[in-house]
Amino acid sequence: MAKTDLLTFLESNIDSLDFDGKIELFWNKRAKTFEMELTFYAENSTSQVITDAEGVSSDEAIISFSDSILFYDEKNAAQVEPEAYLACLSYAGKKGWTLARGKAFFSYLQIVLDNGRSDLLDFLNDSDKELFELTWSMSEFERFVQDATENTAAENLPYPKF
């Protein structure tokens, strides 16, 4: 049986998430990165004028919000721009990630998606809320990794061969 690589693991587990938005995964072979784009959609039933981070205003009936998670080779950390992403998560070159880290990622991502959906609806329905953004806590994520490590067989999800 072929060993599951990091790309296959990410792709196959995206479908298991309970999320009514859109999740896309992009693999940049040259930069050795994966970018996971998360897009939320919500009804703007009151036609509230929403201004995005670039200063563009809209009162569309359906609004969308996107953010991304970057997965990168730890050897290329100097090239990463953390402020451009919700989270930047390194992997260990050809070794990739441990299976425990992969399971922890999807467990924690589900919580981020659930909280994000709730926060977006609160933002749209409460005129006192001035800002909406997703929140990723590296310390919370690492707690999930620790828990998963104790309950998962030692197995790697290597970087894919191409």
Protein backbone atom coordinates (compact mmCIF):
# COMPACT_ATOMS: atom_id res chain seq x y z
CA MET A 1 0.00 0.00 0.00
CA ALA A 2 1.35 3.44 -0.96
CA LYS A 3 2.13 5.82 1.85
CA THR A 4 -0.08 8.91 2.04
CA ASP A 5 1.85 12.10 1.35
CA LEU A 6 1.16 15.54 2.78
CA LEU A 7 -0.63 16.82 -0.33
CA THR A 8 -2.96 13.81 -0.51
CA PHE A 9 -3.65 14.04 3.21
CA LEU A 10 -4.57 17.73 2.99
CA GLU A 11 -6.75 17.24 -0.09
CA SER A 12 -8.63 14.25 1.30
CA ASN A 13 -9.29 15.82 4.71
CA ILE A 14 -10.64 19.10 3.34
CA ASP A 15 -13.80 17.24 2.31
CA SER A 16 -14.33 15.94 5.85
CA LEU A 17 -14.66 19.46 7.28
CA ASP A 18 -18.12 20.76 8.20
CA PHE A 19 -17.95 24.06 6.31
CA ASP A 20 -20.44 25.64 3.92
CA GLY A 21 -17.88 27.99 2.40
CA LYS A 22 -15.16 27.10 -0.08
CA ILE A 23 -11.72 25.67 0.64
CA GLU A 24 -9.12 25.47 -2.10
CA LEU A 25 -5.62 24.05 -1.90
CA PHE A 26 -2.85 25.31 -4.18
CA TRP A 27 0.52 23.59 -4.48
CA ASN A 28 3.48 25.68 -5.63
CA LYS A 29 6.10 23.06 -6.50
CA ARG A 30 8.81 25.62 -7.23
CA ALA A 31 8.46 27.38 -3.85
CA LYS A 32 7.64 24.09 -2.08
CA THR A 33 4.52 25.58 -0.50
CA PHE A 34 0.86 24.76 -0.18
CA GLU A 35 -1.68 27.51 0.29
CA MET A 36 -5.10 26.70 1.67
CA GLU A 37 -7.62 29.43 0.90
CA LEU A 38 -10.70 29.61 3.12
CA THR A 39 -13.70 31.57 1.77
CA PHE A 40 -16.72 32.36 3.90
CA TYR A 41 -20.05 33.49 2.43
CA ALA A 42 -22.79 35.21 4.39
CA GLU A 43 -26.05 36.93 3.64
CA ASN A 44 -25.99 40.69 4.13
CA SER A 45 -29.77 40.91 4.52
CA THR A 46 -29.76 44.50 5.79
CA SER A 47 -27.54 45.71 2.91
CA GLN A 48 -25.03 46.95 5.45
CA VAL A 49 -22.09 48.72 3.80
CA ILE A 50 -18.99 46.60 4.47
CA THR A 51 -15.48 47.98 3.95
CA ASP A 52 -12.72 45.43 3.42
CA ALA A 53 -9.07 45.64 4.44
CA GLU A 54 -8.16 47.38 1.15
CA GLY A 55 -10.81 50.06 1.75
CA VAL A 56 -13.28 48.78 -0.86
CA SER A 57 -16.92 49.20 0.23
CA SER A 58 -19.84 46.99 -0.76
CA ASP A 59 -23.46 46.49 0.20
CA GLU A 60 -23.96 43.29 -1.82
CA ALA A 61 -26.62 40.81 -0.67
CA ILE A 62 -23.99 38.06 -0.29
CA ILE A 63 -20.59 38.97 1.06
CA SER A 64 -17.48 36.85 0.98
CA PHE A 65 -14.42 36.84 3.19
CA SER A 66 -11.20 34.99 2.36
CA ASP A 67 -8.06 34.19 4.28
CA SER A 68 -5.26 31.71 3.71
CA ILE A 69 -3.02 29.29 5.54
CA LEU A 70 0.50 28.74 4.22
CA PHE A 71 2.39 25.47 4.57
CA TYR A 72 6.09 25.89 3.85
CA ASP A 73 9.39 24.00 4.05
CA GLU A 74 11.07 25.02 7.31
CA LYS A 75 14.30 25.61 5.35
CA ASN A 76 12.57 28.48 3.54
CA ALA A 77 11.27 30.30 6.64
CA ALA A 78 13.10 33.52 5.71
CA GLN A 79 10.95 33.83 2.56
CA VAL A 80 7.64 33.62 4.45
CA GLU A 81 5.55 36.76 5.03
CA PRO A 82 3.45 35.82 8.10
CA GLU A 83 1.36 39.02 8.01
CA ALA A 84 -0.11 37.91 4.67
CA TYR A 85 -1.70 34.76 6.13
CA LEU A 86 -4.01 33.59 8.86
CA ALA A 87 -1.31 31.07 9.80
CA CYS A 88 2.05 29.93 8.48
CA LEU A 89 2.86 26.32 9.30
CA SER A 90 6.19 24.74 8.53
CA TYR A 91 6.89 21.16 7.54
CA ALA A 92 10.18 19.27 7.78
CA GLY A 93 11.37 19.17 4.17
CA LYS A 94 10.99 15.74 2.55
CA LYS A 95 9.79 14.29 5.87
CA GLY A 96 6.72 16.54 5.73
CA TRP A 97 4.50 16.40 8.81
CA THR A 98 3.73 13.72 11.33
CA LEU A 99 0.29 12.15 11.04
CA ALA A 100 -0.45 13.52 14.52
CA ARG A 101 0.25 17.07 13.34
CA GLY A 102 -1.99 16.54 10.33
CA LYS A 103 -4.87 15.26 12.49
CA ALA A 104 -4.37 18.12 14.95
CA PHE A 105 -4.43 20.62 12.09
CA PHE A 106 -7.85 19.51 10.86
CA SER A 107 -9.28 19.28 14.38
CA TYR A 108 -8.17 22.81 15.15
CA LEU A 109 -9.12 24.13 11.70
CA GLN A 110 -12.70 22.94 12.27
CA ILE A 111 -12.85 25.06 15.43
CA VAL A 112 -11.42 28.08 13.59
CA LEU A 113 -14.02 27.65 10.83
CA ASP A 114 -16.89 27.28 13.33
CA ASN A 115 -15.78 30.32 15.32
CA GLY A 116 -15.20 32.29 12.13
CA ARG A 117 -18.68 31.55 10.82
CA SER A 118 -20.24 32.58 14.13
CA ASP A 119 -18.11 35.73 14.36
CA LEU A 120 -18.97 36.71 10.77
CA LEU A 121 -22.68 36.41 11.47
CA ASP A 122 -22.27 38.42 14.68
CA PHE A 123 -20.40 41.08 12.69
CA LEU A 124 -23.19 41.33 10.12
CA ASN A 125 -25.99 41.38 12.68
CA ASP A 126 -24.47 43.71 15.30
CA SER A 127 -23.86 47.30 14.20
CA ASP A 128 -21.51 47.79 17.17
CA LYS A 129 -19.03 45.27 15.73
CA GLU A 130 -16.56 47.22 13.63
CA LEU A 131 -14.16 44.45 12.59
CA PHE A 132 -14.28 40.84 11.50
CA GLU A 133 -11.21 38.66 11.19
CA LEU A 134 -10.37 35.01 11.68
CA THR A 135 -8.25 34.04 14.65
CA TRP A 136 -5.55 31.36 14.71
CA SER A 137 -3.70 30.67 17.95
CA MET A 138 -0.39 28.86 17.51
CA SER A 139 -0.33 27.93 21.20
CA GLU A 140 -3.82 26.42 20.95
CA PHE A 141 -2.83 24.58 17.76
CA GLU A 142 0.28 23.18 19.48
CA ARG A 143 -1.95 21.91 22.32
CA PHE A 144 -3.94 19.98 19.72
CA VAL A 145 -0.68 18.63 18.28
CA GLN A 146 0.45 17.46 21.73
CA ASP A 147 -2.87 15.70 22.36
CA ALA A 148 -2.82 14.05 18.93
CA THR A 149 0.80 12.95 19.37
CA GLU A 150 -0.16 11.01 22.49
CA ASN A 151 -3.00 9.23 20.64
CA THR A 152 -1.61 8.66 17.13
CA ALA A 153 0.87 6.15 15.74
CA ALA A 154 4.25 7.59 14.78
CA GLU A 155 3.84 8.02 11.03
CA ASN A 156 4.98 10.70 8.61
CA LEU A 157 3.12 12.44 5.80
CA PRO A 158 6.09 13.10 3.48
CA TYR A 159 6.34 15.95 1.00
CA PRO A 160 4.95 14.63 -2.30
CA LYS A 161 7.24 13.39 -5.03
CA PHE A 162 6.70 14.90 -8.44
